[in-house]
C-alpha atoms as a PDB file:
ATOM      1  CA  MET A   1      15.469   4.632  -6.316  1.00  0.00           C
ATOM      2  CA  TYR A   2      11.945   5.872  -5.633  1.00  0.00           C
ATOM      3  CA  PHE A   3       9.155   3.496  -4.697  1.00  0.00           C
ATOM      4  CA  ILE A   4       5.430   4.063  -4.747  1.00  0.00           C
ATOM      5  CA  ILE A   5       3.718   2.103  -2.010  1.00  0.00           C
ATOM      6  CA  THR A   6       0.390   0.919  -3.336  1.00  0.00           C
ATOM      7  CA  ALA A   7      -2.541  -0.836  -1.697  1.00  0.00           C
ATOM      8  CA  TRP A   8      -4.764  -3.310  -3.496  1.00  0.00           C
ATOM      9  CA  LEU A   9      -8.072  -3.487  -1.624  1.00  0.00           C
ATOM     10  CA  THR A  10     -10.826  -6.018  -2.213  1.00  0.00           C
ATOM     11  CA  LEU A  11     -14.354  -5.173  -1.170  1.00  0.00           C
ATOM     12  CA  TYR A  12     -17.437  -7.297  -0.584  1.00  0.00           C
ATOM     13  CA  SER A  13     -19.612  -4.836  -2.512  1.00  0.00           C
ATOM     14  CA  GLY A  14     -17.677  -4.503  -5.757  1.00  0.00           C
ATOM     15  CA  PRO A  15     -14.452  -4.611  -7.692  1.00  0.00           C
ATOM     16  CA  ALA A  16     -10.978  -4.298  -6.209  1.00  0.00           C
ATOM     17  CA  ILE A  17      -9.507  -0.827  -5.727  1.00  0.00           C
ATOM     18  CA  HIS A  18      -5.912   0.238  -6.368  1.00  0.00           C
ATOM     19  CA  HIS A  19      -4.550   3.149  -4.276  1.00  0.00           C
ATOM     20  CA  GLU A  20      -1.158   4.840  -4.579  1.00  0.00           C
ATOM     21  CA  LEU A  21      -0.244   5.749  -1.001  1.00  0.00           C
ATOM     22  CA  ASN A  22       3.265   7.180  -0.656  1.00  0.00           C
ATOM     23  CA  THR A  23       6.286   7.932  -2.796  1.00  0.00           C
ATOM     24  CA  ILE A  24       9.415   7.282  -0.765  1.00  0.00           C
ATOM     25  CA  GLN A  25      13.084   6.848  -1.627  1.00  0.00           C
ATOM     26  CA  PHE A  26      14.680   3.565  -0.515  1.00  0.00           C
ATOM     27  CA  GLU A  27      18.006   1.932  -1.328  1.00  0.00           C
ATOM     28  CA  GLY A  28      16.263  -1.180  -2.588  1.00  0.00           C
ATOM     29  CA  THR A  29      13.157  -3.337  -2.659  1.00  0.00           C
ATOM     30  CA  TRP A  30      13.848  -5.025   0.675  1.00  0.00           C
ATOM     31  CA  GLN A  31      13.949  -1.682   2.486  1.00  0.00           C
ATOM     32  CA  CYS A  32      10.581  -0.811   0.982  1.00  0.00           C
ATOM     33  CA  HIS A  33       9.066  -4.120   2.117  1.00  0.00           C
ATOM     34  CA  GLU A  34      10.574  -3.636   5.568  1.00  0.00           C
ATOM     35  CA  TYR A  35       8.923  -0.205   5.759  1.00  0.00           C
ATOM     36  CA  ILE A  36       5.559  -1.743   4.847  1.00  0.00           C
ATOM     37  CA  SER A  37       6.020  -4.471   7.443  1.00  0.00           C
ATOM     38  CA  GLU A  38       6.837  -1.955  10.181  1.00  0.00           C
ATOM     39  CA  ASN A  39       4.042   0.478   9.224  1.00  0.00           C
ATOM     40  CA  LYS A  40       1.291  -1.834   7.995  1.00  0.00           C
ATOM     41  CA  MET A  41      -1.374  -0.676  10.458  1.00  0.00           C
ATOM     42  CA  ALA A  42      -0.675   3.013   9.800  1.00  0.00           C
ATOM     43  CA  LEU A  43      -0.964   2.342   6.061  1.00  0.00           C
ATOM     44  CA  LEU A  44      -4.137   0.280   6.449  1.00  0.00           C
ATOM     45  CA  LEU A  45      -6.046   2.300   9.067  1.00  0.00           C
ATOM     46  CA  PRO A  46      -7.367   5.022   6.706  1.00  0.00           C
ATOM     47  CA  HIS A  47      -8.858   2.310   4.491  1.00  0.00           C
ATOM     48  CA  ILE A  48     -10.474   0.539   7.449  1.00  0.00           C
ATOM     49  CA  GLU A  49     -12.017   3.868   8.442  1.00  0.00           C
ATOM     50  CA  THR A  50     -13.210   4.536   4.886  1.00  0.00           C
ATOM     51  CA  TYR A  51     -14.563   1.099   3.921  1.00  0.00           C
ATOM     52  CA  GLY A  52     -15.345  -0.449   7.326  1.00  0.00           C
ATOM     53  CA  ASP A  53     -17.002  -3.860   7.138  1.00  0.00           C
ATOM     54  CA  ASP A  54     -17.002  -3.706   3.332  1.00  0.00           C
ATOM     55  CA  LEU A  55     -13.215  -4.264   3.314  1.00  0.00           C
ATOM     56  CA  LYS A  56     -12.638  -7.909   2.440  1.00  0.00           C
ATOM     57  CA  GLY A  57      -8.865  -8.033   1.953  1.00  0.00           C
ATOM     58  CA  PHE A  58      -5.742  -6.031   1.201  1.00  0.00           C
ATOM     59  CA  GLU A  59      -2.189  -6.292  -0.068  1.00  0.00           C
ATOM     60  CA  PHE A  60       0.630  -3.763  -0.206  1.00  0.00           C
ATOM     61  CA  TYR A  61       3.168  -3.480  -3.024  1.00  0.00           C
ATOM     62  CA  CYS A  62       6.389  -1.596  -3.704  1.00  0.00           C
ATOM     63  CA  GLU A  63       6.489  -0.244  -7.257  1.00  0.00           C
ATOM     64  CA  ASN A  64       9.887   1.139  -8.157  1.00  0.00           C
ATOM     65  CA  ARG A  65      10.566   4.315 -10.094  1.00  0.00           C
ATOM     66  CA  TRP A  66      14.054   5.335 -11.150  1.00  0.00           C
ATOM     67  CA  ASN A  67      15.294   8.747 -10.102  1.00  0.00           C
ATOM     68  CA  ASP A  68      16.338  10.372 -13.371  1.00  0.00           C
END
């Protein structure tokens, strides 16, 4: 099964932003969440560099896509 790792970013200056980060194949949802847990800073760093002090909060999600 393919998963798209997405980031939901909230900013002080405006509305929340939704970014699709990576499309990766995992055996299941837990493996995707484990990947996020182990790579959270690498996934977040580009957004810290882009938005700086305007970044208010973030959350990562695993959205599954079936491999047809």
